[in-house]
Amino acid sequence: MTSDLNKSRREVTDYKDIKYDIDCAKLSVAIKNLQNLLEEYGDVEIDISAQEDYGSSWYATVTIPVKRLETDEEVNRRLTAEHRRLEWERQQYEQLKEKFEK
């Protein structure tokens, strides 16, 4: 079963918050932290954006994309959803076939 899951795994992208790796750090420390991230995750883009905090204040997010393979739970959830969708489509097809072949 595990080998079947491994064949079915897809690459997904998570976003790692790196704000605290550079926030309020001396420039030398921030550069060192960024170099460590570069070694661990490769030369990925840094996304800096502003987010609204429940309508009254704003805060910055600083993230990098991190690619990984789906977990067993994620694969099972996706495959179950795909199976349910295909079953629903099959039922719809049968209903329409019956309706229009009369």
N, C-alpha and C. Protein backbone atom coordinates (compact mmCIF):
# COMPACT_ATOMS: atom_id res chain seq x y z
N MET A 1 0.83 -1.19 0.00
CA MET A 1 0.00 0.00 0.00
C MET A 1 0.87 1.25 0.00
N THR A 2 1.94 1.27 0.77
CA THR A 2 2.80 2.45 0.84
C THR A 2 3.43 2.76 -0.50
N SER A 3 3.84 1.73 -1.25
CA SER A 3 4.44 2.00 -2.56
C SER A 3 3.41 2.61 -3.50
N ASP A 4 2.12 2.21 -3.38
CA ASP A 4 1.07 2.82 -4.18
C ASP A 4 0.92 4.30 -3.82
N LEU A 5 0.99 4.60 -2.53
CA LEU A 5 0.91 5.99 -2.10
C LEU A 5 2.09 6.80 -2.63
N ASN A 6 3.28 6.21 -2.59
CA ASN A 6 4.45 6.92 -3.08
C ASN A 6 4.32 7.27 -4.56
N LYS A 7 3.71 6.38 -5.34
CA LYS A 7 3.50 6.65 -6.76
C LYS A 7 2.49 7.77 -6.96
N SER A 8 1.56 7.91 -6.01
CA SER A 8 0.48 8.88 -6.14
C SER A 8 0.82 10.25 -5.55
N ARG A 9 1.94 10.37 -4.90
CA ARG A 9 2.28 11.63 -4.23
C ARG A 9 2.52 12.74 -5.25
N ARG A 10 2.04 13.92 -4.90
CA ARG A 10 2.28 15.10 -5.71
C ARG A 10 3.11 16.09 -4.91
N GLU A 11 3.79 16.93 -5.63
CA GLU A 11 4.55 17.98 -4.97
C GLU A 11 3.59 19.11 -4.59
N VAL A 12 3.68 19.58 -3.38
CA VAL A 12 2.86 20.69 -2.91
C VAL A 12 3.78 21.80 -2.42
N THR A 13 3.26 23.00 -2.37
CA THR A 13 4.04 24.15 -1.92
C THR A 13 3.45 24.69 -0.64
N ASP A 14 4.26 24.75 0.39
CA ASP A 14 3.91 25.43 1.63
C ASP A 14 4.66 26.75 1.64
N TYR A 15 4.29 27.63 2.55
CA TYR A 15 4.98 28.91 2.65
C TYR A 15 5.53 29.05 4.06
N LYS A 16 6.85 29.17 4.14
CA LYS A 16 7.54 29.27 5.43
C LYS A 16 7.67 30.74 5.80
N ASP A 17 7.22 31.07 7.00
CA ASP A 17 7.33 32.43 7.51
C ASP A 17 8.78 32.67 7.94
N ILE A 18 9.44 33.63 7.30
CA ILE A 18 10.84 33.92 7.65
C ILE A 18 10.99 35.31 8.26
N LYS A 19 9.86 35.93 8.60
CA LYS A 19 9.91 37.29 9.14
C LYS A 19 10.84 37.38 10.35
N TYR A 20 10.76 36.39 11.23
CA TYR A 20 11.54 36.47 12.46
C TYR A 20 13.00 36.08 12.26
N ASP A 21 13.34 35.61 11.06
CA ASP A 21 14.75 35.37 10.75
C ASP A 21 15.47 36.67 10.43
N ILE A 22 14.69 37.72 10.08
CA ILE A 22 15.32 38.99 9.70
C ILE A 22 14.79 40.18 10.50
N ASP A 23 13.63 40.06 11.12
CA ASP A 23 13.02 41.16 11.83
C ASP A 23 13.83 41.54 13.07
N CYS A 24 14.15 42.80 13.20
CA CYS A 24 14.88 43.35 14.35
C CYS A 24 16.26 42.72 14.54
N ALA A 25 16.79 42.12 13.50
CA ALA A 25 18.12 41.52 13.59
C ALA A 25 19.13 42.49 13.03
N LYS A 26 20.33 42.42 13.53
CA LYS A 26 21.41 43.19 12.91
C LYS A 26 21.58 42.68 11.49
N LEU A 27 22.06 43.53 10.63
CA LEU A 27 22.19 43.17 9.22
C LEU A 27 23.05 41.92 9.06
N SER A 28 24.14 41.82 9.83
CA SER A 28 25.01 40.65 9.70
C SER A 28 24.28 39.36 10.09
N VAL A 29 23.43 39.43 11.11
CA VAL A 29 22.66 38.26 11.55
C VAL A 29 21.60 37.92 10.51
N ALA A 30 20.92 38.95 9.99
CA ALA A 30 19.89 38.72 8.97
C ALA A 30 20.51 38.07 7.73
N ILE A 31 21.67 38.55 7.31
CA ILE A 31 22.35 37.97 6.14
C ILE A 31 22.72 36.52 6.40
N LYS A 32 23.24 36.24 7.60
CA LYS A 32 23.60 34.86 7.94
C LYS A 32 22.35 33.97 7.92
N ASN A 33 21.25 34.46 8.49
CA ASN A 33 20.00 33.68 8.48
C ASN A 33 19.51 33.44 7.06
N LEU A 34 19.60 34.46 6.21
CA LEU A 34 19.19 34.30 4.81
C LEU A 34 20.11 33.32 4.08
N GLN A 35 21.41 33.35 4.40
CA GLN A 35 22.33 32.38 3.78
C GLN A 35 21.97 30.96 4.20
N ASN A 36 21.60 30.77 5.45
CA ASN A 36 21.18 29.45 5.92
C ASN A 36 19.92 28.99 5.19
N LEU A 37 18.97 29.90 5.00
CA LEU A 37 17.75 29.57 4.25
C LEU A 37 18.08 29.24 2.81
N LEU A 38 19.03 29.97 2.22
CA LEU A 38 19.46 29.71 0.85
C LEU A 38 20.05 28.30 0.73
N GLU A 39 20.86 27.91 1.68
CA GLU A 39 21.45 26.57 1.66
C GLU A 39 20.37 25.49 1.82
N GLU A 40 19.38 25.75 2.66
CA GLU A 40 18.35 24.75 2.95
C GLU A 40 17.30 24.64 1.85
N TYR A 41 16.88 25.79 1.28
CA TYR A 41 15.74 25.79 0.35
C TYR A 41 16.09 26.19 -1.08
N GLY A 42 17.33 26.59 -1.32
CA GLY A 42 17.71 27.01 -2.66
C GLY A 42 17.36 28.48 -2.89
N ASP A 43 17.58 28.92 -4.10
CA ASP A 43 17.41 30.33 -4.45
C ASP A 43 15.94 30.61 -4.80
N VAL A 44 15.09 30.69 -3.77
CA VAL A 44 13.66 30.91 -3.98
C VAL A 44 13.35 32.39 -3.78
N GLU A 45 12.18 32.79 -4.27
CA GLU A 45 11.77 34.18 -4.13
C GLU A 45 11.25 34.44 -2.72
N ILE A 46 11.50 35.65 -2.24
CA ILE A 46 10.96 36.09 -0.96
C ILE A 46 9.73 36.92 -1.26
N ASP A 47 8.63 36.60 -0.59
CA ASP A 47 7.39 37.34 -0.78
C ASP A 47 7.14 38.18 0.47
N ILE A 48 7.09 39.49 0.28
CA ILE A 48 6.78 40.41 1.37
C ILE A 48 5.45 41.05 1.03
N SER A 49 4.48 40.89 1.92
CA SER A 49 3.17 41.48 1.65
C SER A 49 2.55 41.98 2.94
N ALA A 50 1.57 42.85 2.77
CA ALA A 50 0.85 43.40 3.92
C ALA A 50 -0.47 42.66 4.06
N GLN A 51 -0.82 42.33 5.27
CA GLN A 51 -2.07 41.63 5.57
C GLN A 51 -2.86 42.47 6.56
N GLU A 52 -4.18 42.49 6.38
CA GLU A 52 -5.04 43.20 7.32
C GLU A 52 -5.35 42.30 8.49
N ASP A 53 -5.26 42.85 9.68
CA ASP A 53 -5.51 42.10 10.90
C ASP A 53 -6.89 42.46 11.45
N TYR A 54 -7.92 41.74 11.00
CA TYR A 54 -9.29 41.94 11.47
C TYR A 54 -9.79 43.36 11.29
N GLY A 55 -9.41 44.01 10.20
CA GLY A 55 -10.00 45.28 9.81
C GLY A 55 -9.42 46.53 10.43
N SER A 56 -8.57 46.42 11.43
CA SER A 56 -8.13 47.65 12.09
C SER A 56 -6.63 47.93 11.95
N SER A 57 -5.84 46.92 11.76
CA SER A 57 -4.40 47.15 11.66
C SER A 57 -3.80 46.26 10.58
N TRP A 58 -2.60 46.58 10.21
CA TRP A 58 -1.90 45.86 9.15
C TRP A 58 -0.61 45.28 9.70
N TYR A 59 -0.19 44.18 9.13
CA TYR A 59 1.10 43.60 9.50
C TYR A 59 1.75 43.03 8.25
N ALA A 60 3.05 42.89 8.30
CA ALA A 60 3.79 42.37 7.14
C ALA A 60 4.00 40.88 7.29
N THR A 61 3.93 40.19 6.15
CA THR A 61 4.32 38.78 6.12
C THR A 61 5.53 38.66 5.20
N VAL A 62 6.45 37.83 5.61
CA VAL A 62 7.65 37.57 4.81
C VAL A 62 7.77 36.05 4.71
N THR A 63 7.54 35.53 3.52
CA THR A 63 7.53 34.08 3.35
C THR A 63 8.37 33.65 2.16
N ILE A 64 8.73 32.37 2.17
CA ILE A 64 9.37 31.74 1.02
C ILE A 64 8.61 30.46 0.71
N PRO A 65 8.53 30.10 -0.58
CA PRO A 65 7.86 28.85 -0.93
C PRO A 65 8.75 27.65 -0.60
N VAL A 66 8.16 26.62 -0.02
CA VAL A 66 8.88 25.40 0.32
C VAL A 66 8.14 24.23 -0.32
N LYS A 67 8.80 23.56 -1.25
CA LYS A 67 8.19 22.43 -1.95
C LYS A 67 8.45 21.14 -1.16
N ARG A 68 7.42 20.30 -1.13
CA ARG A 68 7.52 19.01 -0.44
C ARG A 68 6.53 18.05 -1.09
N LEU A 69 6.66 16.78 -0.77
CA LEU A 69 5.71 15.78 -1.24
C LEU A 69 4.54 15.70 -0.28
N GLU A 70 3.38 15.34 -0.79
CA GLU A 70 2.20 15.18 0.05
C GLU A 70 2.45 14.14 1.14
N THR A 71 1.81 14.34 2.27
CA THR A 71 1.85 13.34 3.35
C THR A 71 0.88 12.22 3.00
N ASP A 72 0.96 11.11 3.73
CA ASP A 72 0.02 10.00 3.54
C ASP A 72 -1.41 10.49 3.68
N GLU A 73 -1.67 11.29 4.70
CA GLU A 73 -3.02 11.80 4.95
C GLU A 73 -3.50 12.66 3.78
N GLU A 74 -2.65 13.52 3.26
CA GLU A 74 -3.03 14.38 2.14
C GLU A 74 -3.31 13.56 0.88
N VAL A 75 -2.48 12.54 0.62
CA VAL A 75 -2.70 11.68 -0.54
C VAL A 75 -4.04 10.97 -0.40
N ASN A 76 -4.28 10.38 0.77
CA ASN A 76 -5.54 9.66 1.00
C ASN A 76 -6.75 10.58 0.85
N ARG A 77 -6.66 11.78 1.40
CA ARG A 77 -7.76 12.74 1.29
C ARG A 77 -8.02 13.11 -0.17
N ARG A 78 -6.95 13.38 -0.92
CA ARG A 78 -7.10 13.75 -2.34
C ARG A 78 -7.67 12.60 -3.15
N LEU A 79 -7.14 11.39 -2.94
CA LEU A 79 -7.64 10.24 -3.69
C LEU A 79 -9.09 9.91 -3.35
N THR A 80 -9.46 10.06 -2.10
CA THR A 80 -10.85 9.84 -1.69
C THR A 80 -11.76 10.86 -2.36
N ALA A 81 -11.35 12.12 -2.37
CA ALA A 81 -12.15 13.16 -3.01
C ALA A 81 -12.27 12.91 -4.51
N GLU A 82 -11.18 12.49 -5.15
CA GLU A 82 -11.23 12.18 -6.58
C GLU A 82 -12.17 11.01 -6.86
N HIS A 83 -12.11 9.99 -6.00
CA HIS A 83 -12.98 8.83 -6.16
C HIS A 83 -14.45 9.23 -6.02
N ARG A 84 -14.75 10.06 -5.02
CA ARG A 84 -16.13 10.52 -4.82
C ARG A 84 -16.62 11.35 -6.02
N ARG A 85 -15.74 12.21 -6.54
CA ARG A 85 -16.11 13.03 -7.69
C ARG A 85 -16.38 12.16 -8.90
N LEU A 86 -15.53 11.16 -9.14
CA LEU A 86 -15.74 10.26 -10.27
C LEU A 86 -17.02 9.45 -10.12
N GLU A 87 -17.30 9.03 -8.91
CA GLU A 87 -18.54 8.28 -8.65
C GLU A 87 -19.75 9.17 -8.90
N TRP A 88 -19.70 10.42 -8.45
CA TRP A 88 -20.80 11.37 -8.70
C TRP A 88 -20.98 11.59 -10.20
N GLU A 89 -19.86 11.79 -10.92
CA GLU A 89 -19.94 11.98 -12.37
C GLU A 89 -20.53 10.74 -13.06
N ARG A 90 -20.16 9.56 -12.59
CA ARG A 90 -20.70 8.32 -13.15
C ARG A 90 -22.22 8.25 -12.93
N GLN A 91 -22.67 8.61 -11.75
CA GLN A 91 -24.10 8.62 -11.45
C GLN A 91 -24.82 9.65 -12.32
N GLN A 92 -24.23 10.82 -12.49
CA GLN A 92 -24.84 11.85 -13.34
C GLN A 92 -24.93 11.36 -14.78
N TYR A 93 -23.87 10.72 -15.24
CA TYR A 93 -23.86 10.19 -16.60
C TYR A 93 -24.98 9.17 -16.78
N GLU A 94 -25.11 8.26 -15.84
CA GLU A 94 -26.15 7.23 -15.93
C GLU A 94 -27.54 7.85 -15.92
N GLN A 95 -27.76 8.86 -15.09
CA GLN A 95 -29.06 9.52 -15.05
C GLN A 95 -29.37 10.22 -16.38
N LEU A 96 -28.39 10.92 -16.92
CA LEU A 96 -28.60 11.61 -18.19
C LEU A 96 -28.76 10.62 -19.34
N LYS A 97 -28.00 9.57 -19.30
CA LYS A 97 -28.11 8.53 -20.33
C LYS A 97 -29.51 7.94 -20.33
N GLU A 98 -30.01 7.63 -19.15
CA GLU A 98 -31.34 7.07 -19.03
C GLU A 98 -32.40 8.07 -19.50
N LYS A 99 -32.22 9.33 -19.15
CA LYS A 99 -33.18 10.37 -19.52
C LYS A 99 -33.25 10.58 -21.04
N PHE A 100 -32.10 10.60 -21.69
CA PHE A 100 -32.07 10.95 -23.11
C PHE A 100 -32.11 9.77 -24.06
N GLU A 101 -31.99 8.57 -23.54
CA GLU A 101 -32.06 7.39 -24.43
C GLU A 101 -33.47 6.83 -24.52
N LYS A 102 -34.40 7.45 -23.88
CA LYS A 102 -35.79 6.96 -23.93
C LYS A 102 -36.43 7.32 -25.25
